[in-house]
Amino acid sequence: LGDFDEPQRSSITMFGVLTIAVRIYQDRWGYGIYSGPIGSAVF
């Protein structure tokens, strides 16, 4: 939705892929599993 240019788009996407994997491995049921990615992307 943000319509980023390259290489910002691929870099931001890969940043989310790595950080979300670590965050969910730590806790799968907290509010942060969804609020973290949504809040970061909205910012």
All heavy atoms as atom14 arrays in JSON, in Angstrom:
{
  "sequence": "LGDFDEPQRSSITMFGVLTIAVRIYQDRWGYGIYSGPIGSAVF",
  "atom14_mask": [
    [1, 1, 1, 1, 1, 1, 1, 1, 0, 0, 0, 0, 0, 0],
    [1, 1, 1, 1, 0, 0, 0, 0, 0, 0, 0, 0, 0, 0],
    [1, 1, 1, 1, 1, 1, 1, 1, 0, 0, 0, 0, 0, 0],
    [1, 1, 1, 1, 1, 1, 1, 1, 1, 1, 1, 0, 0, 0],
    [1, 1, 1, 1, 1, 1, 1, 1, 0, 0, 0, 0, 0, 0],
    [1, 1, 1, 1, 1, 1, 1, 1, 1, 0, 0, 0, 0, 0],
    [1, 1, 1, 1, 1, 1, 1, 0, 0, 0, 0, 0, 0, 0],
    [1, 1, 1, 1, 1, 1, 1, 1, 1, 0, 0, 0, 0, 0],
    [1, 1, 1, 1, 1, 1, 1, 1, 1, 1, 1, 0, 0, 0],
    [1, 1, 1, 1, 1, 1, 0, 0, 0, 0, 0, 0, 0, 0],
    [1, 1, 1, 1, 1, 1, 0, 0, 0, 0, 0, 0, 0, 0],
    [1, 1, 1, 1, 1, 1, 1, 1, 0, 0, 0, 0, 0, 0],
    [1, 1, 1, 1, 1, 1, 1, 0, 0, 0, 0, 0, 0, 0],
    [1, 1, 1, 1, 1, 1, 1, 1, 0, 0, 0, 0, 0, 0],
    [1, 1, 1, 1, 1, 1, 1, 1, 1, 1, 1, 0, 0, 0],
    [1, 1, 1, 1, 0, 0, 0, 0, 0, 0, 0, 0, 0, 0],
    [1, 1, 1, 1, 1, 1, 1, 0, 0, 0, 0, 0, 0, 0],
    [1, 1, 1, 1, 1, 1, 1, 1, 0, 0, 0, 0, 0, 0],
    [1, 1, 1, 1, 1, 1, 1, 0, 0, 0, 0, 0, 0, 0],
    [1, 1, 1, 1, 1, 1, 1, 1, 0, 0, 0, 0, 0, 0],
    [1, 1, 1, 1, 1, 0, 0, 0, 0, 0, 0, 0, 0, 0],
    [1, 1, 1, 1, 1, 1, 1, 0, 0, 0, 0, 0, 0, 0],
    [1, 1, 1, 1, 1, 1, 1, 1, 1, 1, 1, 0, 0, 0],
    [1, 1, 1, 1, 1, 1, 1, 1, 0, 0, 0, 0, 0, 0],
    [1, 1, 1, 1, 1, 1, 1, 1, 1, 1, 1, 1, 0, 0],
    [1, 1, 1, 1, 1, 1, 1, 1, 1, 0, 0, 0, 0, 0],
    [1, 1, 1, 1, 1, 1, 1, 1, 0, 0, 0, 0, 0, 0],
    [1, 1, 1, 1, 1, 1, 1, 1, 1, 1, 1, 0, 0, 0],
    [1, 1, 1, 1, 1, 1, 1, 1, 1, 1, 1, 1, 1, 1],
    [1, 1, 1, 1, 0, 0, 0, 0, 0, 0, 0, 0, 0, 0],
    [1, 1, 1, 1, 1, 1, 1, 1, 1, 1, 1, 1, 0, 0],
    [1, 1, 1, 1, 0, 0, 0, 0, 0, 0, 0, 0, 0, 0],
    [1, 1, 1, 1, 1, 1, 1, 1, 0, 0, 0, 0, 0, 0],
    [1, 1, 1, 1, 1, 1, 1, 1, 1, 1, 1, 1, 0, 0],
    [1, 1, 1, 1, 1, 1, 0, 0, 0, 0, 0, 0, 0, 0],
    [1, 1, 1, 1, 0, 0, 0, 0, 0, 0, 0, 0, 0, 0],
    [1, 1, 1, 1, 1, 1, 1, 0, 0, 0, 0, 0, 0, 0],
    [1, 1, 1, 1, 1, 1, 1, 1, 0, 0, 0, 0, 0, 0],
    [1, 1, 1, 1, 0, 0, 0, 0, 0, 0, 0, 0, 0, 0],
    [1, 1, 1, 1, 1, 1, 0, 0, 0, 0, 0, 0, 0, 0],
    [1, 1, 1, 1, 1, 0, 0, 0, 0, 0, 0, 0, 0, 0],
    [1, 1, 1, 1, 1, 1, 1, 0, 0, 0, 0, 0, 0, 0],
    [1, 1, 1, 1, 1, 1, 1, 1, 1, 1, 1, 0, 0, 0]
  ],
  "atom14_positions": [
    [[0.82, -1.21, 0.0], [0.0, 0.0, 0.0], [0.86, 1.26, 0.0], [0.5, 2.27, -0.61], [-0.92, -0.01, 1.22], [-1.79, 1.22, 1.45], [-2.81, 1.38, 0.32], [-2.51, 1.13, 2.8], [0.0, 0.0, 0.0], [0.0, 0.0, 0.0], [0.0, 0.0, 0.0], [0.0, 0.0, 0.0], [0.0, 0.0, 0.0], [0.0, 0.0, 0.0]],
    [[2.01, 1.22, 0.67], [2.88, 2.38, 0.71], [3.5, 2.75, -0.62], [3.94, 3.89, -0.8], [0.0, 0.0, 0.0], [0.0, 0.0, 0.0], [0.0, 0.0, 0.0], [0.0, 0.0, 0.0], [0.0, 0.0, 0.0], [0.0, 0.0, 0.0], [0.0, 0.0, 0.0], [0.0, 0.0, 0.0], [0.0, 0.0, 0.0], [0.0, 0.0, 0.0]],
    [[3.56, 1.81, -1.57], [4.08, 2.06, -2.92], [5.5, 2.64, -2.86], [5.79, 3.73, -3.36], [3.15, 3.02, -3.68], [3.46, 3.05, -5.16], [4.08, 2.09, -5.67], [3.08, 4.04, -5.84], [0.0, 0.0, 0.0], [0.0, 0.0, 0.0], [0.0, 0.0, 0.0], [0.0, 0.0, 0.0], [0.0, 0.0, 0.0], [0.0, 0.0, 0.0]],
    [[6.39, 1.88, -2.25], [7.79, 2.32, -2.12], [8.56, 1.99, -3.39], [8.21, 1.07, -4.14], [8.45, 1.63, -0.93], [7.9, 2.06, 0.4], [6.85, 1.36, 1.0], [8.43, 3.15, 1.06], [6.35, 1.75, 2.22], [7.93, 3.55, 2.29], [6.88, 2.85, 2.87], [0.0, 0.0, 0.0], [0.0, 0.0, 0.0], [0.0, 0.0, 0.0]],
    [[9.62, 2.75, -3.62], [10.52, 2.49, -4.73], [11.58, 1.48, -4.3], [11.79, 1.23, -3.11], [11.18, 3.78, -5.21], [10.16, 4.77, -5.76], [9.15, 4.32, -6.34], [10.35, 5.99, -5.58], [0.0, 0.0, 0.0], [0.0, 0.0, 0.0], [0.0, 0.0, 0.0], [0.0, 0.0, 0.0], [0.0, 0.0, 0.0], [0.0, 0.0, 0.0]],
    [[12.24, 0.93, -5.29], [13.36, 0.04, -5.03], [14.63, 0.87, -4.81], [14.8, 1.91, -5.44], [13.56, -0.93, -6.19], [12.45, -1.95, -6.36], [12.39, -2.96, -5.22], [13.37, -3.02, -4.43], [11.39, -3.67, -5.12], [0.0, 0.0, 0.0], [0.0, 0.0, 0.0], [0.0, 0.0, 0.0], [0.0, 0.0, 0.0], [0.0, 0.0, 0.0]],
    [[15.52, 0.46, -3.92], [15.52, -0.78, -3.14], [14.84, -0.67, -1.78], [14.97, -1.58, -0.97], [17.01, -1.06, -2.97], [17.61, 0.31, -2.88], [16.8, 1.19, -3.78], [0.0, 0.0, 0.0], [0.0, 0.0, 0.0], [0.0, 0.0, 0.0], [0.0, 0.0, 0.0], [0.0, 0.0, 0.0], [0.0, 0.0, 0.0], [0.0, 0.0, 0.0]],
    [[14.13, 0.46, -1.5], [13.49, 0.59, -0.2], [12.43, -0.48, 0.01], [12.29, -1.03, 1.12], [12.85, 1.98, -0.07], [13.82, 3.12, 0.07], [14.34, 3.62, -1.25], [13.91, 3.15, -2.29], [15.25, 4.57, -1.2], [0.0, 0.0, 0.0], [0.0, 0.0, 0.0], [0.0, 0.0, 0.0], [0.0, 0.0, 0.0], [0.0, 0.0, 0.0]],
    [[11.72, -0.81, -1.04], [10.63, -1.77, -0.9], [11.14, -3.15, -0.48], [10.64, -3.76, 0.47], [9.86, -1.87, -2.21], [8.66, -2.78, -2.15], [8.09, -3.02, -3.53], [6.91, -3.86, -3.49], [6.43, -4.51, -4.55], [7.04, -4.41, -5.7], [5.34, -5.24, -4.44], [0.0, 0.0, 0.0], [0.0, 0.0, 0.0], [0.0, 0.0, 0.0]],
    [[12.12, -3.66, -1.19], [12.65, -4.98, -0.86], [13.36, -4.98, 0.5], [13.28, -5.96, 1.25], [13.62, -5.45, -1.95], [14.66, -4.52, -2.12], [0.0, 0.0, 0.0], [0.0, 0.0, 0.0], [0.0, 0.0, 0.0], [0.0, 0.0, 0.0], [0.0, 0.0, 0.0], [0.0, 0.0, 0.0], [0.0, 0.0, 0.0], [0.0, 0.0, 0.0]],
    [[14.03, -3.9, 0.84], [14.74, -3.83, 2.12], [13.75, -3.81, 3.29], [13.94, -4.53, 4.29], [15.62, -2.59, 2.16], [16.56, -2.61, 1.1], [0.0, 0.0, 0.0], [0.0, 0.0, 0.0], [0.0, 0.0, 0.0], [0.0, 0.0, 0.0], [0.0, 0.0, 0.0], [0.0, 0.0, 0.0], [0.0, 0.0, 0.0], [0.0, 0.0, 0.0]],
    [[12.69, -3.01, 3.16], [11.7, -2.94, 4.23], [10.96, -4.27, 4.37], [10.67, -4.74, 5.48], [10.72, -1.78, 3.96], [11.45, -0.44, 4.03], [9.57, -1.8, 4.95], [10.59, 0.74, 3.64], [0.0, 0.0, 0.0], [0.0, 0.0, 0.0], [0.0, 0.0, 0.0], [0.0, 0.0, 0.0], [0.0, 0.0, 0.0], [0.0, 0.0, 0.0]],
    [[10.65, -4.9, 3.23], [9.97, -6.19, 3.28], [10.81, -7.25, 3.98], [10.33, -8.0, 4.83], [9.62, -6.65, 1.86], [8.81, -5.66, 1.23], [8.86, -7.97, 1.89], [0.0, 0.0, 0.0], [0.0, 0.0, 0.0], [0.0, 0.0, 0.0], [0.0, 0.0, 0.0], [0.0, 0.0, 0.0], [0.0, 0.0, 0.0], [0.0, 0.0, 0.0]],
    [[12.09, -7.31, 3.65], [12.97, -8.3, 4.27], [13.18, -7.99, 5.75], [13.3, -8.92, 6.58], [14.31, -8.33, 3.54], [15.26, -9.39, 4.04], [14.54, -11.05, 4.04], [14.19, -11.26, 2.3], [0.0, 0.0, 0.0], [0.0, 0.0, 0.0], [0.0, 0.0, 0.0], [0.0, 0.0, 0.0], [0.0, 0.0, 0.0], [0.0, 0.0, 0.0]],
    [[13.19, -6.73, 6.11], [13.3, -6.36, 7.53], [12.11, -6.92, 8.31], [12.27, -7.46, 9.41], [13.37, -4.84, 7.66], [13.27, -4.35, 9.08], [14.37, -4.41, 9.92], [12.08, -3.82, 9.57], [14.28, -3.96, 11.23], [11.98, -3.37, 10.87], [13.08, -3.43, 11.71], [0.0, 0.0, 0.0], [0.0, 0.0, 0.0], [0.0, 0.0, 0.0]],
    [[10.92, -6.81, 7.75], [9.74, -7.36, 8.41], [9.76, -8.87, 8.47], [9.33, -9.47, 9.47], [0.0, 0.0, 0.0], [0.0, 0.0, 0.0], [0.0, 0.0, 0.0], [0.0, 0.0, 0.0], [0.0, 0.0, 0.0], [0.0, 0.0, 0.0], [0.0, 0.0, 0.0], [0.0, 0.0, 0.0], [0.0, 0.0, 0.0], [0.0, 0.0, 0.0]],
    [[10.21, -9.51, 7.41], [10.27, -10.98, 7.39], [11.15, -11.51, 8.52], [10.79, -12.47, 9.22], [10.79, -11.47, 6.02], [11.09, -12.95, 6.06], [9.76, -11.17, 4.93], [0.0, 0.0, 0.0], [0.0, 0.0, 0.0], [0.0, 0.0, 0.0], [0.0, 0.0, 0.0], [0.0, 0.0, 0.0], [0.0, 0.0, 0.0], [0.0, 0.0, 0.0]],
    [[12.29, -10.88, 8.75], [13.23, -11.36, 9.77], [12.75, -11.03, 11.19], [12.8, -11.88, 12.09], [14.61, -10.76, 9.52], [15.24, -11.11, 8.16], [16.57, -10.39, 8.0], [15.42, -12.61, 8.02], [0.0, 0.0, 0.0], [0.0, 0.0, 0.0], [0.0, 0.0, 0.0], [0.0, 0.0, 0.0], [0.0, 0.0, 0.0], [0.0, 0.0, 0.0]],
    [[12.31, -9.8, 11.39], [11.92, -9.39, 12.74], [10.64, -10.09, 13.19], [10.5, -10.43, 14.38], [11.74, -7.87, 12.79], [10.82, -7.47, 11.76], [13.07, -7.17, 12.59], [0.0, 0.0, 0.0], [0.0, 0.0, 0.0], [0.0, 0.0, 0.0], [0.0, 0.0, 0.0], [0.0, 0.0, 0.0], [0.0, 0.0, 0.0], [0.0, 0.0, 0.0]],
    [[9.69, -10.3, 12.29], [8.45, -10.98, 12.66], [8.73, -12.43, 13.04], [8.13, -12.98, 13.98], [7.43, -10.91, 11.51], [6.95, -9.47, 11.33], [6.23, -11.81, 11.76], [6.08, -9.27, 10.1], [0.0, 0.0, 0.0], [0.0, 0.0, 0.0], [0.0, 0.0, 0.0], [0.0, 0.0, 0.0], [0.0, 0.0, 0.0], [0.0, 0.0, 0.0]],
    [[9.65, -13.08, 12.33], [10.0, -14.46, 12.66], [10.56, -14.56, 14.07], [10.21, -15.48, 14.84], [11.0, -15.0, 11.64], [0.0, 0.0, 0.0], [0.0, 0.0, 0.0], [0.0, 0.0, 0.0], [0.0, 0.0, 0.0], [0.0, 0.0, 0.0], [0.0, 0.0, 0.0], [0.0, 0.0, 0.0], [0.0, 0.0, 0.0], [0.0, 0.0, 0.0]],
    [[11.43, -13.63, 14.45], [12.01, -13.66, 15.79], [10.97, -13.33, 16.86], [10.89, -13.96, 17.92], [13.2, -12.68, 15.87], [13.77, -12.62, 17.28], [14.28, -13.08, 14.88], [0.0, 0.0, 0.0], [0.0, 0.0, 0.0], [0.0, 0.0, 0.0], [0.0, 0.0, 0.0], [0.0, 0.0, 0.0], [0.0, 0.0, 0.0], [0.0, 0.0, 0.0]],
    [[10.12, -12.34, 16.56], [9.11, -11.92, 17.55], [8.1, -13.03, 17.82], [7.74, -13.28, 18.99], [8.39, -10.67, 17.02], [7.26, -10.18, 17.91], [7.79, -9.73, 19.26], [6.73, -9.28, 20.13], [5.99, -10.07, 20.93], [6.25, -11.39, 20.94], [5.07, -9.6, 21.71], [0.0, 0.0, 0.0], [0.0, 0.0, 0.0], [0.0, 0.0, 0.0]],
    [[7.64, -13.71, 16.81], [6.63, -14.75, 17.01], [7.25, -15.98, 17.64], [6.59, -16.7, 18.39], [5.95, -15.09, 15.67], [5.18, -13.87, 15.18], [5.01, -16.27, 15.8], [4.49, -14.06, 13.86], [0.0, 0.0, 0.0], [0.0, 0.0, 0.0], [0.0, 0.0, 0.0], [0.0, 0.0, 0.0], [0.0, 0.0, 0.0], [0.0, 0.0, 0.0]],
    [[8.51, -16.24, 17.4], [9.16, -17.36, 18.07], [9.24, -17.13, 19.58], [9.17, -18.08, 20.37], [10.56, -17.56, 17.49], [11.28, -18.76, 18.05], [11.01, -20.04, 17.57], [12.23, -18.62, 19.06], [11.67, -21.15, 18.08], [12.88, -19.72, 19.58], [12.6, -20.99, 19.08], [13.24, -22.07, 19.61], [0.0, 0.0, 0.0], [0.0, 0.0, 0.0]],
    [[9.34, -15.88, 19.96], [9.41, -15.55, 21.38], [8.04, -15.64, 22.04], [7.91, -16.15, 23.16], [10.0, -14.15, 21.56], [10.14, -13.72, 23.01], [10.69, -12.32, 23.12], [10.93, -11.64, 22.12], [10.91, -11.87, 24.36], [0.0, 0.0, 0.0], [0.0, 0.0, 0.0], [0.0, 0.0, 0.0], [0.0, 0.0, 0.0], [0.0, 0.0, 0.0]],
    [[7.0, -15.15, 21.36], [5.66, -15.15, 21.94], [4.65, -15.2, 20.8], [4.67, -14.35, 19.91], [5.43, -13.89, 22.78], [4.06, -13.89, 23.45], [3.41, -14.96, 23.49], [3.64, -12.82, 23.92], [0.0, 0.0, 0.0], [0.0, 0.0, 0.0], [0.0, 0.0, 0.0], [0.0, 0.0, 0.0], [0.0, 0.0, 0.0], [0.0, 0.0, 0.0]],
    [[3.76, -16.19, 20.81], [2.8, -16.38, 19.72], [1.41, -15.87, 20.03], [0.54, -15.89, 19.15], [2.71, -17.87, 19.37], [4.04, -18.5, 19.04], [3.89, -19.98, 18.78], [5.19, -20.64, 18.71], [5.36, -21.95, 18.59], [4.3, -22.74, 18.52], [6.58, -22.46, 18.54], [0.0, 0.0, 0.0], [0.0, 0.0, 0.0], [0.0, 0.0, 0.0]],
    [[1.15, -15.48, 21.25], [-0.22, -15.15, 21.63], [-0.37, -13.73, 22.14], [-1.49, -13.31, 22.45], [-0.7, -16.13, 22.72], [-0.65, -17.54, 22.26], [0.2, -18.52, 22.67], [-1.46, -18.14, 21.25], [-0.03, -19.69, 22.02], [-1.06, -19.49, 21.13], [-2.51, -17.68, 20.44], [-1.64, -20.38, 20.24], [-3.1, -18.55, 19.56], [-2.67, -19.88, 19.46]],
    [[0.68, -12.98, 22.27], [0.57, -11.61, 22.77], [0.04, -10.67, 21.71], [-0.03, -10.98, 20.51], [0.0, 0.0, 0.0], [0.0, 0.0, 0.0], [0.0, 0.0, 0.0], [0.0, 0.0, 0.0], [0.0, 0.0, 0.0], [0.0, 0.0, 0.0], [0.0, 0.0, 0.0], [0.0, 0.0, 0.0], [0.0, 0.0, 0.0], [0.0, 0.0, 0.0]],
    [[-0.33, -9.47, 22.15], [-0.83, -8.46, 21.22], [0.28, -7.97, 20.28], [-0.01, -7.45, 19.2], [-1.41, -7.28, 22.0], [-2.6, -7.63, 22.85], [-2.48, -7.76, 24.23], [-3.85, -7.84, 22.28], [-3.57, -8.08, 25.02], [-4.95, -8.16, 23.05], [-4.8, -8.28, 24.42], [-5.89, -8.62, 25.19], [0.0, 0.0, 0.0], [0.0, 0.0, 0.0]],
    [[1.52, -8.11, 20.7], [2.62, -7.58, 19.89], [2.86, -8.31, 18.59], [3.53, -7.78, 17.7], [0.0, 0.0, 0.0], [0.0, 0.0, 0.0], [0.0, 0.0, 0.0], [0.0, 0.0, 0.0], [0.0, 0.0, 0.0], [0.0, 0.0, 0.0], [0.0, 0.0, 0.0], [0.0, 0.0, 0.0], [0.0, 0.0, 0.0], [0.0, 0.0, 0.0]],
    [[2.34, -9.53, 18.44], [2.59, -10.27, 17.21], [1.94, -9.58, 16.01], [2.42, -9.72, 14.88], [2.09, -11.71, 17.33], [0.59, -11.74, 17.67], [2.89, -12.46, 18.37], [0.0, -13.14, 17.71], [0.0, 0.0, 0.0], [0.0, 0.0, 0.0], [0.0, 0.0, 0.0], [0.0, 0.0, 0.0], [0.0, 0.0, 0.0], [0.0, 0.0, 0.0]],
    [[0.85, -8.85, 16.24], [0.19, -8.12, 15.16], [0.34, -6.61, 15.29], [0.45, -5.91, 14.28], [-1.3, -8.48, 15.12], [-1.58, -9.94, 14.85], [-2.62, -10.6, 15.48], [-0.77, -10.67, 13.96], [-2.87, -11.95, 15.23], [-1.01, -12.01, 13.72], [-2.06, -12.65, 14.35], [-2.3, -13.99, 14.11], [0.0, 0.0, 0.0], [0.0, 0.0, 0.0]],
    [[0.34, -6.11, 16.53], [0.45, -4.67, 16.71], [1.84, -4.15, 16.33], [1.97, -3.02, 15.84], [0.15, -4.29, 18.16], [1.1, -4.91, 19.04], [0.0, 0.0, 0.0], [0.0, 0.0, 0.0], [0.0, 0.0, 0.0], [0.0, 0.0, 0.0], [0.0, 0.0, 0.0], [0.0, 0.0, 0.0], [0.0, 0.0, 0.0], [0.0, 0.0, 0.0]],
    [[2.86, -4.98, 16.53], [4.21, -4.56, 16.14], [4.35, -4.34, 14.64], [4.75, -3.25, 14.2], [0.0, 0.0, 0.0], [0.0, 0.0, 0.0], [0.0, 0.0, 0.0], [0.0, 0.0, 0.0], [0.0, 0.0, 0.0], [0.0, 0.0, 0.0], [0.0, 0.0, 0.0], [0.0, 0.0, 0.0], [0.0, 0.0, 0.0], [0.0, 0.0, 0.0]],
    [[4.04, -5.35, 13.8], [4.13, -5.14, 12.35], [3.21, -4.04, 11.84], [3.61, -3.23, 10.99], [3.75, -6.5, 11.77], [4.04, -7.47, 12.85], [3.77, -6.76, 14.13], [0.0, 0.0, 0.0], [0.0, 0.0, 0.0], [0.0, 0.0, 0.0], [0.0, 0.0, 0.0], [0.0, 0.0, 0.0], [0.0, 0.0, 0.0], [0.0, 0.0, 0.0]],
    [[1.98, -3.99, 12.36], [1.04, -2.97, 11.89], [1.51, -1.57, 12.27], [1.51, -0.64, 11.44], [-0.37, -3.25, 12.46], [-0.92, -4.54, 11.87], [-1.31, -2.09, 12.15], [-2.26, -4.97, 12.46], [0.0, 0.0, 0.0], [0.0, 0.0, 0.0], [0.0, 0.0, 0.0], [0.0, 0.0, 0.0], [0.0, 0.0, 0.0], [0.0, 0.0, 0.0]],
    [[1.94, -1.39, 13.52], [2.4, -0.08, 13.95], [3.64, 0.39, 13.2], [3.74, 1.56, 12.8], [0.0, 0.0, 0.0], [0.0, 0.0, 0.0], [0.0, 0.0, 0.0], [0.0, 0.0, 0.0], [0.0, 0.0, 0.0], [0.0, 0.0, 0.0], [0.0, 0.0, 0.0], [0.0, 0.0, 0.0], [0.0, 0.0, 0.0], [0.0, 0.0, 0.0]],
    [[4.59, -0.53, 12.99], [5.81, -0.16, 12.25], [5.49, 0.22, 10.81], [6.02, 1.21, 10.28], [6.81, -1.31, 12.3], [7.13, -1.65, 13.63], [0.0, 0.0, 0.0], [0.0, 0.0, 0.0], [0.0, 0.0, 0.0], [0.0, 0.0, 0.0], [0.0, 0.0, 0.0], [0.0, 0.0, 0.0], [0.0, 0.0, 0.0], [0.0, 0.0, 0.0]],
    [[4.64, -0.57, 10.15], [4.3, -0.29, 8.75], [3.54, 1.02, 8.62], [3.79, 1.82, 7.7], [3.48, -1.44, 8.18], [0.0, 0.0, 0.0], [0.0, 0.0, 0.0], [0.0, 0.0, 0.0], [0.0, 0.0, 0.0], [0.0, 0.0, 0.0], [0.0, 0.0, 0.0], [0.0, 0.0, 0.0], [0.0, 0.0, 0.0], [0.0, 0.0, 0.0]],
    [[2.61, 1.28, 9.54], [1.84, 2.53, 9.5], [2.76, 3.73, 9.71], [2.62, 4.77, 9.03], [0.72, 2.5, 10.55], [0.08, 3.88, 10.69], [-0.35, 1.49, 10.15], [0.0, 0.0, 0.0], [0.0, 0.0, 0.0], [0.0, 0.0, 0.0], [0.0, 0.0, 0.0], [0.0, 0.0, 0.0], [0.0, 0.0, 0.0], [0.0, 0.0, 0.0]],
    [[3.73, 3.6, 10.6], [4.67, 4.71, 10.83], [5.52, 4.98, 9.59], [5.7, 6.14, 9.19], [5.57, 4.36, 12.02], [6.65, 5.37, 12.28], [6.35, 6.59, 12.87], [7.96, 5.11, 11.91], [7.36, 7.52, 13.11], [8.96, 6.03, 12.14], [8.66, 7.25, 12.74], [0.0, 0.0, 0.0], [0.0, 0.0, 0.0], [0.0, 0.0, 0.0]]
  ]
}
